[in-house]
Amino acid sequence: MQLRATALLAAAVLASPGAAHGIDYEAGEELSGVQLLQTAVMPERKREAKRAFRCAPVEKVWDETGRYEKEGYCGPSAIPTVYDKKKWHPGSPAEADLFRPLSEVRMDHMADDLFDHFGFLNDWINPFFSASDLVVVGPDGVNKSVGYEAIKKKYLFSQGDKFPNPVEMTFKWDGHEIHTLQDHSCMNSDDPYCYANGWLKNQNDELNASVFDDHDKFNIYAEKQCKMMHDRYDFGRENITMLTHLQETNPLYVMADNSCDKSEMKGPLPKDRDYAKHAYVKCLMNLAMTEIPYCYFRGCVLEGNRIGHADECDY
């Protein structure tokens, strides 16, 4: 897939201190200084904690290097992670890209979808989330959208009212409050994330079915969203790498748990900036052109800041 928004991507590259000063990042160098979502580094949750109800029951279990996911929890059960062990292993040529600022990786692959570049790294950085299958090449050689219905089919994961024994949850963070009814083993944990970034259905008049039907229109919308994040939070100064993104994922779900009324966990709450930083990685990967539809079909905002799912949202 060709990424059109080269101006934004180039701006992100030029804003990177690593790119500006020619810093060479060695493997492991950034680990000592990484700030995990504006909090102190959080230890892995003890296994017995999984017996308690969690609003955000997502956890990545890393190997001894802390770089490669062995298994992932979505709900109470762990699923072994299938990844490309030939490409990704300690000392492999590809591993260097985990430590480089993503803006530099972006510069080296300006027209590429970085989900394709990284390949099968883990259960959420892999080609499934490439935007390549959101377009088809028309008879005139121009990229066109595969259409709203095809995108909906790929990203509508909610079980809606078919989910057994759902739990009502309220998330409160950074001045927000949303109410949601469990509709999936673990994806309700993304309701506050998608809400914070403004990508649920009914949150933004500019984001609607017509956007997904028009590839150019969607590209412009995605570029605008990523530029807003870049300008508001100055992420270019943080030397965001793939490894910091991986390491910050567990703490983000811990904080989502902390913000939920049904959770027994207490601790720091997320900020909108934390959720935006996670999304901004997807901007560097492919202008968030797969993250945005994931959130749009994740749910919709209804009266009273209740998050609806599936049939409630009239997709």
C-alpha atoms as a PDB file:
ATOM      1  CA  MET A   1       0.000   0.000   0.000  1.00  0.00           C
ATOM      2  CA  GLN A   2       1.279   3.459  -0.856  1.00  0.00           C
ATOM      3  CA  LEU A   3       0.963   5.965   1.993  1.00  0.00           C
ATOM      4  CA  ARG A   4      -0.019   9.362   0.616  1.00  0.00           C
ATOM      5  CA  ALA A   5       0.628  11.567   3.650  1.00  0.00           C
ATOM      6  CA  THR A   6       4.363  11.949   3.209  1.00  0.00           C
ATOM      7  CA  ALA A   7       4.343  15.532   4.518  1.00  0.00           C
ATOM      8  CA  LEU A   8       3.086  14.464   7.932  1.00  0.00           C
ATOM      9  CA  LEU A   9       5.391  11.468   8.079  1.00  0.00           C
ATOM     10  CA  ALA A  10       8.385  13.565   7.104  1.00  0.00           C
ATOM     11  CA  ALA A  11       7.455  16.097   9.777  1.00  0.00           C
ATOM     12  CA  ALA A  12       7.376  13.344  12.363  1.00  0.00           C
ATOM     13  CA  VAL A  13      10.824  12.227  11.255  1.00  0.00           C
ATOM     14  CA  LEU A  14      12.303  15.708  11.397  1.00  0.00           C
ATOM     15  CA  ALA A  15      10.846  16.252  14.869  1.00  0.00           C
ATOM     16  CA  SER A  16      12.667  13.189  16.211  1.00  0.00           C
ATOM     17  CA  PRO A  17      15.703  14.151  18.341  1.00  0.00           C
ATOM     18  CA  GLY A  18      17.388  10.937  17.262  1.00  0.00           C
ATOM     19  CA  ALA A  19      17.036  11.852  13.625  1.00  0.00           C
ATOM     20  CA  ALA A  20      18.061  15.441  14.206  1.00  0.00           C
ATOM     21  CA  HIS A  21      21.253  14.598  16.069  1.00  0.00           C
ATOM     22  CA  GLY A  22      22.235  11.380  14.349  1.00  0.00           C
ATOM     23  CA  ILE A  23      21.989   9.318  17.542  1.00  0.00           C
ATOM     24  CA  ASP A  24      22.814   5.647  17.094  1.00  0.00           C
ATOM     25  CA  TYR A  25      20.635   3.568  19.403  1.00  0.00           C
ATOM     26  CA  GLU A  26      22.287   0.365  20.584  1.00  0.00           C
ATOM     27  CA  ALA A  27      20.246  -2.652  21.645  1.00  0.00           C
ATOM     28  CA  GLY A  28      19.170  -2.277  25.257  1.00  0.00           C
ATOM     29  CA  GLU A  29      20.355   1.321  25.570  1.00  0.00           C
ATOM     30  CA  GLU A  30      16.871   2.803  25.893  1.00  0.00           C
ATOM     31  CA  LEU A  31      15.645   0.393  28.556  1.00  0.00           C
ATOM     32  CA  SER A  32      17.127   2.323  31.461  1.00  0.00           C
ATOM     33  CA  GLY A  33      15.470   5.577  30.487  1.00  0.00           C
ATOM     34  CA  VAL A  34      12.104   4.507  29.206  1.00  0.00           C
ATOM     35  CA  GLN A  35       9.147   6.121  30.936  1.00  0.00           C
ATOM     36  CA  LEU A  36       6.193   3.801  30.924  1.00  0.00           C
ATOM     37  CA  LEU A  37       3.147   5.967  30.310  1.00  0.00           C
ATOM     38  CA  GLN A  38       4.191   8.691  32.772  1.00  0.00           C
ATOM     39  CA  THR A  39       4.342   6.218  35.660  1.00  0.00           C
ATOM     40  CA  ALA A  40       7.051   4.248  37.372  1.00  0.00           C
ATOM     41  CA  VAL A  41       7.771   0.869  35.818  1.00  0.00           C
ATOM     42  CA  MET A  42       5.052  -1.519  36.970  1.00  0.00           C
ATOM     43  CA  PRO A  43       5.854  -5.140  37.837  1.00  0.00           C
ATOM     44  CA  GLU A  44       4.083  -7.999  36.092  1.00  0.00           C
ATOM     45  CA  ARG A  45       0.828  -8.886  37.799  1.00  0.00           C
ATOM     46  CA  LYS A  46       0.975 -11.980  39.935  1.00  0.00           C
ATOM     47  CA  ARG A  47      -0.775 -14.944  38.410  1.00  0.00           C
ATOM     48  CA  GLU A  48      -3.213 -15.234  41.327  1.00  0.00           C
ATOM     49  CA  ALA A  49      -4.552 -11.791  40.475  1.00  0.00           C
ATOM     50  CA  LYS A  50      -6.105 -13.252  37.342  1.00  0.00           C
ATOM     51  CA  ARG A  51      -8.745 -14.938  39.480  1.00  0.00           C
ATOM     52  CA  ALA A  52     -10.258 -11.529  40.252  1.00  0.00           C
ATOM     53  CA  PHE A  53     -12.584  -9.848  37.747  1.00  0.00           C
ATOM     54  CA  ARG A  54     -10.764  -7.488  35.440  1.00  0.00           C
ATOM     55  CA  CYS A  55     -12.331  -4.840  33.221  1.00  0.00           C
ATOM     56  CA  ALA A  56      -9.224  -4.896  31.011  1.00  0.00           C
ATOM     57  CA  PRO A  57      -8.184  -8.567  31.061  1.00  0.00           C
ATOM     58  CA  VAL A  58      -5.317  -8.193  28.592  1.00  0.00           C
ATOM     59  CA  GLU A  59      -1.695  -9.053  29.305  1.00  0.00           C
ATOM     60  CA  LYS A  60       1.352  -9.795  27.206  1.00  0.00           C
ATOM     61  CA  VAL A  61       3.763 -12.390  28.608  1.00  0.00           C
ATOM     62  CA  TRP A  62       7.296 -11.688  27.425  1.00  0.00           C
ATOM     63  CA  ASP A  63      10.324 -13.906  27.020  1.00  0.00           C
ATOM     64  CA  GLU A  64      13.445 -13.376  29.115  1.00  0.00           C
ATOM     65  CA  THR A  65      14.618 -10.538  26.845  1.00  0.00           C
ATOM     66  CA  GLY A  66      11.379  -8.583  27.292  1.00  0.00           C
ATOM     67  CA  ARG A  67      11.127  -8.166  23.520  1.00  0.00           C
ATOM     68  CA  TYR A  68       9.185 -11.159  22.237  1.00  0.00           C
ATOM     69  CA  GLU A  69       5.700 -12.175  23.293  1.00  0.00           C
ATOM     70  CA  LYS A  70       5.404 -15.796  24.411  1.00  0.00           C
ATOM     71  CA  GLU A  71       1.663 -15.709  25.003  1.00  0.00           C
ATOM     72  CA  GLY A  72      -1.144 -13.244  25.406  1.00  0.00           C
ATOM     73  CA  TYR A  73      -4.119 -13.119  27.766  1.00  0.00           C
ATOM     74  CA  CYS A  74      -7.505 -12.091  26.395  1.00  0.00           C
ATOM     75  CA  GLY A  75      -9.780 -12.835  29.310  1.00  0.00           C
ATOM     76  CA  PRO A  76      -8.842 -15.635  31.724  1.00  0.00           C
ATOM     77  CA  SER A  77      -6.942 -17.815  29.258  1.00  0.00           C
ATOM     78  CA  ALA A  78      -3.522 -17.412  27.683  1.00  0.00           C
ATOM     79  CA  ILE A  79      -3.074 -18.003  23.964  1.00  0.00           C
ATOM     80  CA  PRO A  80       0.421 -18.920  22.704  1.00  0.00           C
ATOM     81  CA  THR A  81       1.751 -16.217  20.407  1.00  0.00           C
ATOM     82  CA  VAL A  82       2.682 -17.253  16.904  1.00  0.00           C
ATOM     83  CA  TYR A  83       5.413 -15.051  15.478  1.00  0.00           C
ATOM     84  CA  ASP A  84       8.173 -15.217  12.903  1.00  0.00           C
ATOM     85  CA  LYS A  85      11.018 -16.705  14.935  1.00  0.00           C
ATOM     86  CA  LYS A  86      13.316 -16.777  11.930  1.00  0.00           C
ATOM     87  CA  LYS A  87      13.018 -13.006  11.564  1.00  0.00           C
ATOM     88  CA  TRP A  88      12.638 -12.061  15.211  1.00  0.00           C
ATOM     89  CA  HIS A  89      15.126 -13.422  17.725  1.00  0.00           C
ATOM     90  CA  PRO A  90      17.928 -11.980  19.888  1.00  0.00           C
ATOM     91  CA  GLY A  91      20.712 -10.729  17.655  1.00  0.00           C
ATOM     92  CA  SER A  92      18.753 -11.039  14.405  1.00  0.00           C
ATOM     93  CA  PRO A  93      19.256  -8.361  11.717  1.00  0.00           C
ATOM     94  CA  ALA A  94      15.613  -7.317  12.063  1.00  0.00           C
ATOM     95  CA  GLU A  95      15.907  -6.769  15.820  1.00  0.00           C
ATOM     96  CA  ALA A  96      17.709  -3.465  15.356  1.00  0.00           C
ATOM     97  CA  ASP A  97      14.423  -1.921  14.194  1.00  0.00           C
ATOM     98  CA  LEU A  98      12.922  -2.543  17.643  1.00  0.00           C
ATOM     99  CA  PHE A  99      15.392  -0.046  19.123  1.00  0.00           C
ATOM    100  CA  ARG A 100      15.377   2.611  16.426  1.00  0.00           C
ATOM    101  CA  PRO A 101      12.997   5.577  16.652  1.00  0.00           C
ATOM    102  CA  LEU A 102       9.960   4.585  14.621  1.00  0.00           C
ATOM    103  CA  SER A 103      10.220   7.910  12.804  1.00  0.00           C
ATOM    104  CA  GLU A 104      13.567   6.736  11.398  1.00  0.00           C
ATOM    105  CA  VAL A 105      12.119   3.377  10.376  1.00  0.00           C
ATOM    106  CA  ARG A 106       9.306   5.344   8.742  1.00  0.00           C
ATOM    107  CA  MET A 107      11.817   7.450   6.802  1.00  0.00           C
ATOM    108  CA  ASP A 108      13.466   4.320   5.425  1.00  0.00           C
ATOM    109  CA  HIS A 109      10.097   2.957   4.259  1.00  0.00           C
ATOM    110  CA  MET A 110       8.126   6.094   3.446  1.00  0.00           C
ATOM    111  CA  ALA A 111       5.622   4.469   1.085  1.00  0.00           C
ATOM    112  CA  ASP A 112       5.233   1.197   2.993  1.00  0.00           C
ATOM    113  CA  ASP A 113       2.783   0.048   5.610  1.00  0.00           C
ATOM    114  CA  LEU A 114       5.020  -0.725   8.600  1.00  0.00           C
ATOM    115  CA  PHE A 115       2.720  -3.541   9.697  1.00  0.00           C
ATOM    116  CA  ASP A 116       3.958  -5.292   6.574  1.00  0.00           C
ATOM    117  CA  HIS A 117       7.545  -4.260   7.268  1.00  0.00           C
ATOM    118  CA  PHE A 118       7.588  -5.635  10.823  1.00  0.00           C
ATOM    119  CA  GLY A 119       5.650  -8.714   9.752  1.00  0.00           C
ATOM    120  CA  PHE A 120       4.664 -11.306  12.330  1.00  0.00           C
ATOM    121  CA  LEU A 121       6.203  -9.744  15.448  1.00  0.00           C
ATOM    122  CA  ASN A 122       3.386 -10.579  17.897  1.00  0.00           C
ATOM    123  CA  ASP A 123      -0.388 -10.760  18.203  1.00  0.00           C
ATOM    124  CA  TRP A 124      -1.020  -7.079  17.439  1.00  0.00           C
ATOM    125  CA  ILE A 125       1.967  -6.073  15.310  1.00  0.00           C
ATOM    126  CA  ASN A 126       1.450  -8.232  12.244  1.00  0.00           C
ATOM    127  CA  PRO A 127       0.150  -7.981   8.659  1.00  0.00           C
ATOM    128  CA  PHE A 128      -3.484  -8.501   9.713  1.00  0.00           C
ATOM    129  CA  PHE A 129      -3.434  -4.827  10.713  1.00  0.00           C
ATOM    130  CA  SER A 130      -1.902  -3.653   7.456  1.00  0.00           C
ATOM    131  CA  ALA A 131      -4.076  -1.237   5.504  1.00  0.00           C
ATOM    132  CA  SER A 132      -3.139  -2.985   2.256  1.00  0.00           C
ATOM    133  CA  ASP A 133      -6.374  -4.974   2.152  1.00  0.00           C
ATOM    134  CA  LEU A 134      -8.492  -1.846   2.626  1.00  0.00           C
ATOM    135  CA  VAL A 135      -7.839  -0.819  -0.960  1.00  0.00           C
ATOM    136  CA  VAL A 136      -8.167  -2.251  -4.434  1.00  0.00           C
ATOM    137  CA  VAL A 137      -6.540  -0.899  -7.569  1.00  0.00           C
ATOM    138  CA  GLY A 138      -9.117   0.392 -10.006  1.00  0.00           C
ATOM    139  CA  PRO A 139      -8.953   0.027 -13.810  1.00  0.00           C
ATOM    140  CA  ASP A 140      -7.277   3.455 -13.942  1.00  0.00           C
ATOM    141  CA  GLY A 141      -4.490   2.240 -11.648  1.00  0.00           C
ATOM    142  CA  VAL A 142      -5.714   4.386  -8.737  1.00  0.00           C
ATOM    143  CA  ASN A 143      -6.263   2.985  -5.241  1.00  0.00           C
ATOM    144  CA  LYS A 144      -9.915   2.750  -4.257  1.00  0.00           C
ATOM    145  CA  SER A 145     -11.565   1.686  -1.017  1.00  0.00           C
ATOM    146  CA  VAL A 146     -12.767  -1.905  -0.754  1.00  0.00           C
ATOM    147  CA  GLY A 147     -15.919  -0.321   0.664  1.00  0.00           C
ATOM    148  CA  TYR A 148     -17.631   0.157   3.983  1.00  0.00           C
ATOM    149  CA  GLU A 149     -19.197  -3.311   4.130  1.00  0.00           C
ATOM    150  CA  ALA A 150     -15.874  -5.099   3.563  1.00  0.00           C
ATOM    151  CA  ILE A 151     -14.166  -2.992   6.229  1.00  0.00           C
ATOM    152  CA  LYS A 152     -17.025  -3.645   8.652  1.00  0.00           C
ATOM    153  CA  LYS A 153     -16.727  -7.377   8.047  1.00  0.00           C
ATOM    154  CA  LYS A 154     -13.051  -7.281   9.010  1.00  0.00           C
ATOM    155  CA  TYR A 155     -13.317  -5.123  12.119  1.00  0.00           C
ATOM    156  CA  LEU A 156     -16.694  -5.830  13.724  1.00  0.00           C
ATOM    157  CA  PHE A 157     -15.624  -8.200  16.519  1.00  0.00           C
ATOM    158  CA  SER A 158     -18.294  -7.481  19.120  1.00  0.00           C
ATOM    159  CA  GLN A 159     -20.561 -10.314  20.255  1.00  0.00           C
ATOM    160  CA  GLY A 160     -23.158  -7.749  21.295  1.00  0.00           C
ATOM    161  CA  ASP A 161     -26.043  -9.174  23.331  1.00  0.00           C
ATOM    162  CA  LYS A 162     -24.845 -12.710  22.587  1.00  0.00           C
ATOM    163  CA  PHE A 163     -22.048 -12.402  25.136  1.00  0.00           C
ATOM    164  CA  PRO A 164     -22.991 -14.559  28.155  1.00  0.00           C
ATOM    165  CA  ASN A 165     -23.491 -12.994  31.607  1.00  0.00           C
ATOM    166  CA  PRO A 166     -22.212  -9.525  30.715  1.00  0.00           C
ATOM    167  CA  VAL A 167     -20.937  -7.184  33.422  1.00  0.00           C
ATOM    168  CA  GLU A 168     -21.742  -3.462  33.430  1.00  0.00           C
ATOM    169  CA  MET A 169     -18.653  -1.306  33.823  1.00  0.00           C
ATOM    170  CA  THR A 170     -17.918   2.383  34.283  1.00  0.00           C
ATOM    171  CA  PHE A 171     -14.532   3.836  33.356  1.00  0.00           C
ATOM    172  CA  LYS A 172     -13.427   7.194  34.784  1.00  0.00           C
ATOM    173  CA  TRP A 173     -10.178   8.889  33.746  1.00  0.00           C
ATOM    174  CA  ASP A 174      -8.854  12.357  32.925  1.00  0.00           C
ATOM    175  CA  GLY A 175     -12.266  14.034  33.315  1.00  0.00           C
ATOM    176  CA  HIS A 176     -14.166  11.404  31.297  1.00  0.00           C
ATOM    177  CA  GLU A 177     -16.802   8.901  32.356  1.00  0.00           C
ATOM    178  CA  ILE A 178     -18.224   6.180  30.110  1.00  0.00           C
ATOM    179  CA  HIS A 179     -20.543   3.252  30.794  1.00  0.00           C
ATOM    180  CA  THR A 180     -20.237  -0.003  28.878  1.00  0.00           C
ATOM    181  CA  LEU A 181     -21.689  -3.496  28.958  1.00  0.00           C
ATOM    182  CA  GLN A 182     -19.331  -6.408  28.475  1.00  0.00           C
ATOM    183  CA  ASP A 183     -19.614  -7.780  24.931  1.00  0.00           C
ATOM    184  CA  HIS A 184     -16.314  -9.614  24.445  1.00  0.00           C
ATOM    185  CA  SER A 185     -13.763 -11.575  26.473  1.00  0.00           C
ATOM    186  CA  CYS A 186     -11.347  -8.648  26.581  1.00  0.00           C
ATOM    187  CA  MET A 187     -12.143  -5.885  24.071  1.00  0.00           C
ATOM    188  CA  ASN A 188     -14.120  -3.685  26.475  1.00  0.00           C
ATOM    189  CA  SER A 189     -10.660  -2.646  27.649  1.00  0.00           C
ATOM    190  CA  ASP A 190     -10.411  -0.685  24.389  1.00  0.00           C
ATOM    191  CA  ASP A 191     -13.617   1.292  24.939  1.00  0.00           C
ATOM    192  CA  PRO A 192     -11.863   4.050  26.940  1.00  0.00           C
ATOM    193  CA  TYR A 193      -8.920   4.000  24.506  1.00  0.00           C
ATOM    194  CA  CYS A 194     -11.137   4.464  21.466  1.00  0.00           C
ATOM    195  CA  TYR A 195     -13.259   7.069  23.266  1.00  0.00           C
ATOM    196  CA  ALA A 196     -10.200   9.068  24.343  1.00  0.00           C
ATOM    197  CA  ASN A 197      -9.031   9.224  20.729  1.00  0.00           C
ATOM    198  CA  GLY A 198     -12.487  10.183  19.437  1.00  0.00           C
ATOM    199  CA  TRP A 199     -12.867   7.252  17.043  1.00  0.00           C
ATOM    200  CA  LEU A 200     -16.038   5.535  18.267  1.00  0.00           C
ATOM    201  CA  LYS A 201     -19.122   5.917  16.096  1.00  0.00           C
ATOM    202  CA  ASN A 202     -21.139   9.081  16.863  1.00  0.00           C
ATOM    203  CA  GLN A 203     -18.145  10.881  18.392  1.00  0.00           C
ATOM    204  CA  ASN A 204     -17.149  12.856  15.337  1.00  0.00           C
ATOM    205  CA  ASP A 205     -19.394  13.960  12.489  1.00  0.00           C
ATOM    206  CA  GLU A 206     -16.451  13.677  10.096  1.00  0.00           C
ATOM    207  CA  LEU A 207     -16.093   9.958  10.816  1.00  0.00           C
ATOM    208  CA  ASN A 208     -18.933   8.046   9.199  1.00  0.00           C
ATOM    209  CA  ALA A 209     -19.649   5.326   6.660  1.00  0.00           C
ATOM    210  CA  SER A 210     -18.964   7.622   3.705  1.00  0.00           C
ATOM    211  CA  VAL A 211     -15.370   8.090   4.870  1.00  0.00           C
ATOM    212  CA  PHE A 212     -14.676   4.360   4.635  1.00  0.00           C
ATOM    213  CA  ASP A 213     -16.209   4.203   1.157  1.00  0.00           C
ATOM    214  CA  ASP A 214     -13.794   6.817  -0.206  1.00  0.00           C
ATOM    215  CA  HIS A 215     -10.082   5.951   0.067  1.00  0.00           C
ATOM    216  CA  ASP A 216      -8.849   9.512  -0.534  1.00  0.00           C
ATOM    217  CA  LYS A 217     -11.331  10.944   1.940  1.00  0.00           C
ATOM    218  CA  PHE A 218     -10.301   8.397   4.563  1.00  0.00           C
ATOM    219  CA  ASN A 219      -6.612   9.079   3.942  1.00  0.00           C
ATOM    220  CA  ILE A 220      -7.149  12.808   4.458  1.00  0.00           C
ATOM    221  CA  TYR A 221      -9.148  12.187   7.644  1.00  0.00           C
ATOM    222  CA  ALA A 222      -6.478   9.838   9.047  1.00  0.00           C
ATOM    223  CA  GLU A 223      -3.684  12.278   8.206  1.00  0.00           C
ATOM    224  CA  LYS A 224      -5.577  15.065   9.968  1.00  0.00           C
ATOM    225  CA  GLN A 225      -6.090  12.928  13.086  1.00  0.00           C
ATOM    226  CA  CYS A 226      -2.426  11.968  13.278  1.00  0.00           C
ATOM    227  CA  LYS A 227      -1.289  15.546  12.740  1.00  0.00           C
ATOM    228  CA  MET A 228      -3.553  16.696  15.585  1.00  0.00           C
ATOM    229  CA  MET A 229      -1.900  14.171  17.922  1.00  0.00           C
ATOM    230  CA  HIS A 230       1.563  15.145  16.731  1.00  0.00           C
ATOM    231  CA  ASP A 231       0.902  18.857  17.233  1.00  0.00           C
ATOM    232  CA  ARG A 232      -0.926  18.542  20.544  1.00  0.00           C
ATOM    233  CA  TYR A 233       1.439  16.196  22.354  1.00  0.00           C
ATOM    234  CA  ASP A 234       4.764  16.783  20.585  1.00  0.00           C
ATOM    235  CA  PHE A 235       5.415  13.052  20.357  1.00  0.00           C
ATOM    236  CA  GLY A 236       8.285  13.664  17.966  1.00  0.00           C
ATOM    237  CA  ARG A 237      10.487  14.624  20.909  1.00  0.00           C
ATOM    238  CA  GLU A 238      10.093  11.265  22.659  1.00  0.00           C
ATOM    239  CA  ASN A 239      12.030   8.930  20.352  1.00  0.00           C
ATOM    240  CA  ILE A 240       9.159   6.453  20.339  1.00  0.00           C
ATOM    241  CA  THR A 241      10.446   3.022  19.366  1.00  0.00           C
ATOM    242  CA  MET A 242       8.688  -0.236  18.731  1.00  0.00           C
ATOM    243  CA  LEU A 243      10.248  -1.627  21.899  1.00  0.00           C
ATOM    244  CA  THR A 244       8.935   1.186  24.102  1.00  0.00           C
ATOM    245  CA  HIS A 245       5.518   0.650  22.535  1.00  0.00           C
ATOM    246  CA  LEU A 246       5.635  -3.046  23.387  1.00  0.00           C
ATOM    247  CA  GLN A 247       6.809  -2.380  26.941  1.00  0.00           C
ATOM    248  CA  GLU A 248       4.127   0.221  27.583  1.00  0.00           C
ATOM    249  CA  THR A 249       1.225  -2.008  26.564  1.00  0.00           C
ATOM    250  CA  ASN A 250       0.818  -3.957  29.830  1.00  0.00           C
ATOM    251  CA  PRO A 251       0.956  -0.796  31.994  1.00  0.00           C
ATOM    252  CA  LEU A 252      -1.688   0.807  29.783  1.00  0.00           C
ATOM    253  CA  TYR A 253      -4.115  -2.050  30.427  1.00  0.00           C
ATOM    254  CA  VAL A 254      -3.273  -1.966  34.136  1.00  0.00           C
ATOM    255  CA  MET A 255      -4.241   1.706  34.230  1.00  0.00           C
ATOM    256  CA  ALA A 256      -7.433   0.961  32.291  1.00  0.00           C
ATOM    257  CA  ASP A 257      -8.261  -1.539  35.041  1.00  0.00           C
ATOM    258  CA  ASN A 258      -7.524   1.056  37.685  1.00  0.00           C
ATOM    259  CA  SER A 259     -10.056   3.408  36.083  1.00  0.00           C
ATOM    260  CA  CYS A 260     -12.909   0.870  36.176  1.00  0.00           C
ATOM    261  CA  ASP A 261     -15.474   0.718  38.973  1.00  0.00           C
ATOM    262  CA  LYS A 262     -15.633  -3.095  38.927  1.00  0.00           C
ATOM    263  CA  SER A 263     -11.902  -3.627  39.234  1.00  0.00           C
ATOM    264  CA  GLU A 264     -10.206  -4.527  42.523  1.00  0.00           C
ATOM    265  CA  MET A 265      -6.981  -2.973  41.247  1.00  0.00           C
ATOM    266  CA  LYS A 266      -5.923   0.451  42.485  1.00  0.00           C
ATOM    267  CA  GLY A 267      -3.190   2.671  41.197  1.00  0.00           C
ATOM    268  CA  PRO A 268      -2.395   5.366  38.600  1.00  0.00           C
ATOM    269  CA  LEU A 269      -5.125   6.300  36.144  1.00  0.00           C
ATOM    270  CA  PRO A 270      -4.533   6.810  32.425  1.00  0.00           C
ATOM    271  CA  LYS A 271      -4.367  10.212  30.798  1.00  0.00           C
ATOM    272  CA  ASP A 272      -5.712  10.975  27.339  1.00  0.00           C
ATOM    273  CA  ARG A 273      -2.090  11.478  26.363  1.00  0.00           C
ATOM    274  CA  ASP A 274      -1.298   7.856  27.263  1.00  0.00           C
ATOM    275  CA  TYR A 275      -4.029   6.598  24.951  1.00  0.00           C
ATOM    276  CA  ALA A 276      -2.960   9.033  22.231  1.00  0.00           C
ATOM    277  CA  LYS A 277       0.651   7.868  22.478  1.00  0.00           C
ATOM    278  CA  HIS A 278      -0.409   4.273  21.918  1.00  0.00           C
ATOM    279  CA  ALA A 279      -2.446   5.386  18.901  1.00  0.00           C
ATOM    280  CA  TYR A 280       0.351   7.597  17.569  1.00  0.00           C
ATOM    281  CA  VAL A 281       2.498   4.500  17.054  1.00  0.00           C
ATOM    282  CA  LYS A 282      -0.221   3.350  14.668  1.00  0.00           C
ATOM    283  CA  CYS A 283       0.034   6.748  12.959  1.00  0.00           C
ATOM    284  CA  LEU A 284       3.710   6.093  12.314  1.00  0.00           C
ATOM    285  CA  MET A 285       2.883   2.576  11.132  1.00  0.00           C
ATOM    286  CA  ASN A 286       0.152   3.414   8.598  1.00  0.00           C
ATOM    287  CA  LEU A 287      -1.565   6.688   9.554  1.00  0.00           C
ATOM    288  CA  ALA A 288      -3.764   4.655  11.930  1.00  0.00           C
ATOM    289  CA  MET A 289      -5.805   3.607   8.896  1.00  0.00           C
ATOM    290  CA  THR A 290      -6.582   0.270  10.520  1.00  0.00           C
ATOM    291  CA  GLU A 291      -6.782   1.513  14.114  1.00  0.00           C
ATOM    292  CA  ILE A 292      -9.483   4.040  13.243  1.00  0.00           C
ATOM    293  CA  PRO A 293     -11.922   1.493  11.732  1.00  0.00           C
ATOM    294  CA  TYR A 294     -11.136  -0.922  14.587  1.00  0.00           C
ATOM    295  CA  CYS A 295     -12.345   1.734  17.029  1.00  0.00           C
ATOM    296  CA  TYR A 296     -15.281   2.832  14.875  1.00  0.00           C
ATOM    297  CA  PHE A 297     -16.637  -0.711  14.758  1.00  0.00           C
ATOM    298  CA  ARG A 298     -15.655  -1.360  18.366  1.00  0.00           C
ATOM    299  CA  GLY A 299     -18.663   0.638  19.565  1.00  0.00           C
ATOM    300  CA  CYS A 300     -20.729   3.810  19.467  1.00  0.00           C
ATOM    301  CA  VAL A 301     -21.461   6.618  21.900  1.00  0.00           C
ATOM    302  CA  LEU A 302     -25.112   6.676  22.970  1.00  0.00           C
ATOM    303  CA  GLU A 303     -27.119   8.901  25.308  1.00  0.00           C
ATOM    304  CA  GLY A 304     -25.593   9.337  28.742  1.00  0.00           C
ATOM    305  CA  ASN A 305     -22.095   8.449  27.482  1.00  0.00           C
ATOM    306  CA  ARG A 306     -23.078   4.808  27.281  1.00  0.00           C
ATOM    307  CA  ILE A 307     -21.017   2.784  24.838  1.00  0.00           C
ATOM    308  CA  GLY A 308     -23.152   0.590  22.618  1.00  0.00           C
ATOM    309  CA  HIS A 309     -21.906  -2.359  20.601  1.00  0.00           C
ATOM    310  CA  ALA A 310     -22.830  -4.342  17.489  1.00  0.00           C
ATOM    311  CA  ASP A 311     -26.567  -4.085  16.637  1.00  0.00           C
ATOM    312  CA  GLU A 312     -27.049  -1.175  19.052  1.00  0.00           C
ATOM    313  CA  CYS A 313     -24.860   0.934  16.782  1.00  0.00           C
ATOM    314  CA  ASP A 314     -26.714   0.302  13.503  1.00  0.00           C
ATOM    315  CA  TYR A 315     -23.538  -0.345  11.530  1.00  0.00           C
END
